[in-house]
Amino acid sequence: MVNRDRHEIVIEILEKAKLGKVKTEIMRDVGLSYSQSKQYLGALLEKGLLEIDENRLIKTSKKGLEFLEKCGECILFKWNRQKRIA
């Protein structure tokens, strides 16, 4: 597995949670341990980037979707990802 920085992990969590998933699905899909998922999901819920819906699924909030959109526009973020692929 490739080393990822926390920004990449956050973006991956937000991407995977767009349609709504339970915590264990997000842990598995993103490749996080229990303690890592507790830390990241807690912080993202606290910041309002994730929300828990009426079915107890974790979903990317409107604020989280806006964050993903802005990250997609960021030149430095794109450059950093291309550098790792090459």
N, C-alpha and C. Protein backbone atom coordinates (compact mmCIF):
# COMPACT_ATOMS: atom_id res chain seq x y z
N MET A 1 0.83 -1.19 0.00
CA MET A 1 0.00 0.00 0.00
C MET A 1 0.88 1.25 0.00
N VAL A 2 0.44 2.24 -0.72
CA VAL A 2 1.16 3.50 -0.84
C VAL A 2 0.91 4.35 0.40
N ASN A 3 1.95 5.02 0.86
CA ASN A 3 1.77 5.94 1.98
C ASN A 3 0.93 7.12 1.51
N ARG A 4 -0.06 7.47 2.33
CA ARG A 4 -0.94 8.59 2.00
C ARG A 4 -0.85 9.62 3.11
N ASP A 5 -0.98 10.89 2.73
CA ASP A 5 -1.05 11.90 3.77
C ASP A 5 -2.50 12.04 4.22
N ARG A 6 -2.70 12.79 5.28
CA ARG A 6 -4.05 12.86 5.86
C ARG A 6 -5.05 13.53 4.92
N HIS A 7 -4.57 14.42 4.05
CA HIS A 7 -5.47 15.07 3.11
C HIS A 7 -6.04 14.05 2.12
N GLU A 8 -5.18 13.17 1.65
CA GLU A 8 -5.63 12.13 0.72
C GLU A 8 -6.62 11.19 1.39
N ILE A 9 -6.38 10.86 2.65
CA ILE A 9 -7.29 9.98 3.39
C ILE A 9 -8.64 10.65 3.57
N VAL A 10 -8.64 11.92 3.93
CA VAL A 10 -9.89 12.67 4.11
C VAL A 10 -10.68 12.70 2.80
N ILE A 11 -10.01 12.98 1.71
CA ILE A 11 -10.69 13.04 0.41
C ILE A 11 -11.24 11.68 0.04
N GLU A 12 -10.48 10.63 0.30
CA GLU A 12 -10.95 9.28 -0.01
C GLU A 12 -12.18 8.92 0.83
N ILE A 13 -12.18 9.28 2.10
CA ILE A 13 -13.35 9.03 2.96
C ILE A 13 -14.57 9.76 2.41
N LEU A 14 -14.41 11.04 2.09
CA LEU A 14 -15.52 11.82 1.57
C LEU A 14 -16.04 11.27 0.25
N GLU A 15 -15.15 10.81 -0.61
CA GLU A 15 -15.56 10.22 -1.89
C GLU A 15 -16.35 8.94 -1.67
N LYS A 16 -15.86 8.07 -0.78
CA LYS A 16 -16.51 6.78 -0.54
C LYS A 16 -17.86 6.94 0.15
N ALA A 17 -18.03 8.02 0.91
CA ALA A 17 -19.26 8.21 1.69
C ALA A 17 -20.33 8.99 0.95
N LYS A 18 -20.12 9.32 -0.30
CA LYS A 18 -21.10 10.13 -1.04
C LYS A 18 -22.50 9.52 -1.04
N LEU A 19 -22.58 8.21 -1.23
CA LEU A 19 -23.90 7.55 -1.29
C LEU A 19 -24.36 7.03 0.06
N GLY A 20 -23.53 7.12 1.05
CA GLY A 20 -23.87 6.66 2.39
C GLY A 20 -23.39 5.24 2.63
N LYS A 21 -22.64 5.05 3.70
CA LYS A 21 -22.10 3.74 4.06
C LYS A 21 -22.04 3.64 5.57
N VAL A 22 -22.00 2.40 6.06
CA VAL A 22 -21.79 2.19 7.48
C VAL A 22 -20.29 2.32 7.77
N LYS A 23 -19.97 2.53 9.03
CA LYS A 23 -18.59 2.78 9.43
C LYS A 23 -17.64 1.68 8.96
N THR A 24 -18.03 0.43 9.11
CA THR A 24 -17.13 -0.66 8.74
C THR A 24 -16.86 -0.71 7.23
N GLU A 25 -17.84 -0.33 6.43
CA GLU A 25 -17.61 -0.27 4.98
C GLU A 25 -16.58 0.79 4.63
N ILE A 26 -16.69 1.94 5.28
CA ILE A 26 -15.73 3.02 5.03
C ILE A 26 -14.34 2.59 5.47
N MET A 27 -14.26 1.95 6.65
CA MET A 27 -12.97 1.46 7.15
C MET A 27 -12.31 0.53 6.13
N ARG A 28 -13.09 -0.42 5.63
CA ARG A 28 -12.58 -1.40 4.67
C ARG A 28 -12.20 -0.75 3.35
N ASP A 29 -13.10 0.08 2.81
CA ASP A 29 -12.88 0.68 1.49
C ASP A 29 -11.68 1.63 1.47
N VAL A 30 -11.46 2.33 2.57
CA VAL A 30 -10.37 3.31 2.63
C VAL A 30 -9.09 2.67 3.19
N GLY A 31 -9.23 1.53 3.85
CA GLY A 31 -8.06 0.84 4.40
C GLY A 31 -7.58 1.44 5.69
N LEU A 32 -8.52 1.68 6.61
CA LEU A 32 -8.18 2.27 7.91
C LEU A 32 -8.37 1.26 9.03
N SER A 33 -7.58 1.41 10.07
CA SER A 33 -7.78 0.61 11.28
C SER A 33 -8.96 1.21 12.06
N TYR A 34 -9.39 0.52 13.09
CA TYR A 34 -10.49 1.02 13.91
C TYR A 34 -10.13 2.36 14.54
N SER A 35 -8.93 2.45 15.09
CA SER A 35 -8.55 3.70 15.76
C SER A 35 -8.41 4.85 14.75
N GLN A 36 -7.88 4.56 13.57
CA GLN A 36 -7.78 5.60 12.55
C GLN A 36 -9.16 6.06 12.10
N SER A 37 -10.06 5.11 11.88
CA SER A 37 -11.40 5.48 11.42
C SER A 37 -12.13 6.28 12.49
N LYS A 38 -11.95 5.91 13.74
CA LYS A 38 -12.58 6.66 14.84
C LYS A 38 -12.09 8.11 14.84
N GLN A 39 -10.80 8.28 14.65
CA GLN A 39 -10.20 9.61 14.65
C GLN A 39 -10.68 10.43 13.45
N TYR A 40 -10.57 9.88 12.25
CA TYR A 40 -10.94 10.62 11.04
C TYR A 40 -12.44 10.89 10.97
N LEU A 41 -13.25 9.86 11.20
CA LEU A 41 -14.70 10.05 11.09
C LEU A 41 -15.20 11.02 12.15
N GLY A 42 -14.65 10.93 13.35
CA GLY A 42 -15.03 11.86 14.41
C GLY A 42 -14.72 13.30 14.04
N ALA A 43 -13.54 13.53 13.49
CA ALA A 43 -13.14 14.88 13.11
C ALA A 43 -14.00 15.40 11.95
N LEU A 44 -14.28 14.54 10.97
CA LEU A 44 -15.07 14.97 9.81
C LEU A 44 -16.53 15.23 10.19
N LEU A 45 -17.05 14.45 11.11
CA LEU A 45 -18.41 14.70 11.61
C LEU A 45 -18.46 16.01 12.39
N GLU A 46 -17.45 16.22 13.23
CA GLU A 46 -17.38 17.44 14.04
C GLU A 46 -17.27 18.69 13.17
N LYS A 47 -16.53 18.60 12.07
CA LYS A 47 -16.34 19.74 11.17
C LYS A 47 -17.50 19.93 10.20
N GLY A 48 -18.43 18.97 10.18
CA GLY A 48 -19.60 19.11 9.33
C GLY A 48 -19.39 18.63 7.90
N LEU A 49 -18.29 17.92 7.65
CA LEU A 49 -18.02 17.41 6.30
C LEU A 49 -18.73 16.07 6.07
N LEU A 50 -19.05 15.38 7.14
CA LEU A 50 -19.85 14.15 7.10
C LEU A 50 -21.07 14.34 7.97
N GLU A 51 -22.11 13.55 7.70
CA GLU A 51 -23.31 13.56 8.53
C GLU A 51 -23.85 12.14 8.62
N ILE A 52 -24.66 11.90 9.62
CA ILE A 52 -25.31 10.60 9.79
C ILE A 52 -26.77 10.78 9.45
N ASP A 53 -27.25 9.99 8.48
CA ASP A 53 -28.64 10.14 8.05
C ASP A 53 -29.60 9.33 8.93
N GLU A 54 -30.89 9.36 8.58
CA GLU A 54 -31.92 8.70 9.39
C GLU A 54 -31.77 7.18 9.43
N ASN A 55 -31.05 6.60 8.47
CA ASN A 55 -30.80 5.15 8.44
C ASN A 55 -29.48 4.79 9.11
N ARG A 56 -28.87 5.77 9.78
CA ARG A 56 -27.60 5.62 10.49
C ARG A 56 -26.43 5.34 9.55
N LEU A 57 -26.57 5.82 8.32
CA LEU A 57 -25.47 5.73 7.36
C LEU A 57 -24.66 7.02 7.42
N ILE A 58 -23.36 6.89 7.24
CA ILE A 58 -22.49 8.06 7.21
C ILE A 58 -22.43 8.54 5.76
N LYS A 59 -22.77 9.82 5.57
CA LYS A 59 -22.80 10.39 4.22
C LYS A 59 -22.00 11.68 4.19
N THR A 60 -21.49 11.97 3.01
CA THR A 60 -20.81 13.25 2.80
C THR A 60 -21.87 14.35 2.79
N SER A 61 -21.66 15.36 3.60
CA SER A 61 -22.61 16.47 3.70
C SER A 61 -22.44 17.43 2.52
N LYS A 62 -23.33 18.39 2.44
CA LYS A 62 -23.22 19.42 1.39
C LYS A 62 -21.88 20.16 1.52
N LYS A 63 -21.50 20.46 2.74
CA LYS A 63 -20.22 21.13 3.00
C LYS A 63 -19.06 20.23 2.55
N GLY A 64 -19.18 18.92 2.77
CA GLY A 64 -18.15 17.98 2.34
C GLY A 64 -18.04 17.90 0.82
N LEU A 65 -19.19 17.94 0.15
CA LEU A 65 -19.19 17.92 -1.32
C LEU A 65 -18.54 19.18 -1.88
N GLU A 66 -18.81 20.32 -1.24
CA GLU A 66 -18.17 21.57 -1.66
C GLU A 66 -16.66 21.51 -1.44
N PHE A 67 -16.26 20.90 -0.34
CA PHE A 67 -14.83 20.72 -0.05
C PHE A 67 -14.17 19.87 -1.14
N LEU A 68 -14.81 18.77 -1.53
CA LEU A 68 -14.27 17.91 -2.59
C LEU A 68 -14.15 18.67 -3.91
N GLU A 69 -15.14 19.48 -4.19
CA GLU A 69 -15.11 20.27 -5.42
C GLU A 69 -13.93 21.23 -5.43
N LYS A 70 -13.71 21.90 -4.31
CA LYS A 70 -12.59 22.85 -4.21
C LYS A 70 -11.25 22.12 -4.30
N CYS A 71 -11.16 20.93 -3.72
CA CYS A 71 -9.92 20.15 -3.81
C CYS A 71 -9.65 19.75 -5.25
N GLY A 72 -10.70 19.46 -5.99
CA GLY A 72 -10.56 19.11 -7.40
C GLY A 72 -10.04 20.26 -8.24
N GLU A 73 -10.29 21.48 -7.80
CA GLU A 73 -9.84 22.67 -8.51
C GLU A 73 -8.43 23.09 -8.13
N CYS A 74 -7.91 22.56 -7.05
CA CYS A 74 -6.62 22.98 -6.51
C CYS A 74 -5.46 22.45 -7.36
N ILE A 75 -4.69 23.34 -7.91
CA ILE A 75 -3.56 22.98 -8.77
C ILE A 75 -2.51 22.21 -7.98
N LEU A 76 -2.21 22.64 -6.77
CA LEU A 76 -1.18 21.98 -5.98
C LEU A 76 -1.57 20.55 -5.64
N PHE A 77 -2.84 20.32 -5.37
CA PHE A 77 -3.28 18.97 -5.06
C PHE A 77 -3.13 18.06 -6.26
N LYS A 78 -3.51 18.54 -7.43
CA LYS A 78 -3.37 17.75 -8.65
C LYS A 78 -1.90 17.46 -8.94
N TRP A 79 -1.05 18.45 -8.75
CA TRP A 79 0.38 18.28 -9.01
C TRP A 79 0.96 17.22 -8.09
N ASN A 80 0.59 17.24 -6.83
CA ASN A 80 1.10 16.29 -5.85
C ASN A 80 0.68 14.87 -6.21
N ARG A 81 -0.55 14.66 -6.65
CA ARG A 81 -1.03 13.33 -7.04
C ARG A 81 -0.31 12.84 -8.29
N GLN A 82 -0.10 13.71 -9.26
CA GLN A 82 0.60 13.31 -10.49
C GLN A 82 2.04 12.94 -10.20
N LYS A 83 2.67 13.65 -9.27
CA LYS A 83 4.05 13.39 -8.89
C LYS A 83 4.18 11.98 -8.29
N ARG A 84 3.20 11.55 -7.50
CA ARG A 84 3.26 10.23 -6.87
C ARG A 84 3.02 9.11 -7.87
N ILE A 85 2.21 9.37 -8.88
CA ILE A 85 1.90 8.35 -9.89
C ILE A 85 3.12 8.10 -10.77
N ALA A 86 3.84 9.15 -11.11
CA ALA A 86 4.98 9.05 -12.03
C ALA A 86 6.16 8.30 -11.46
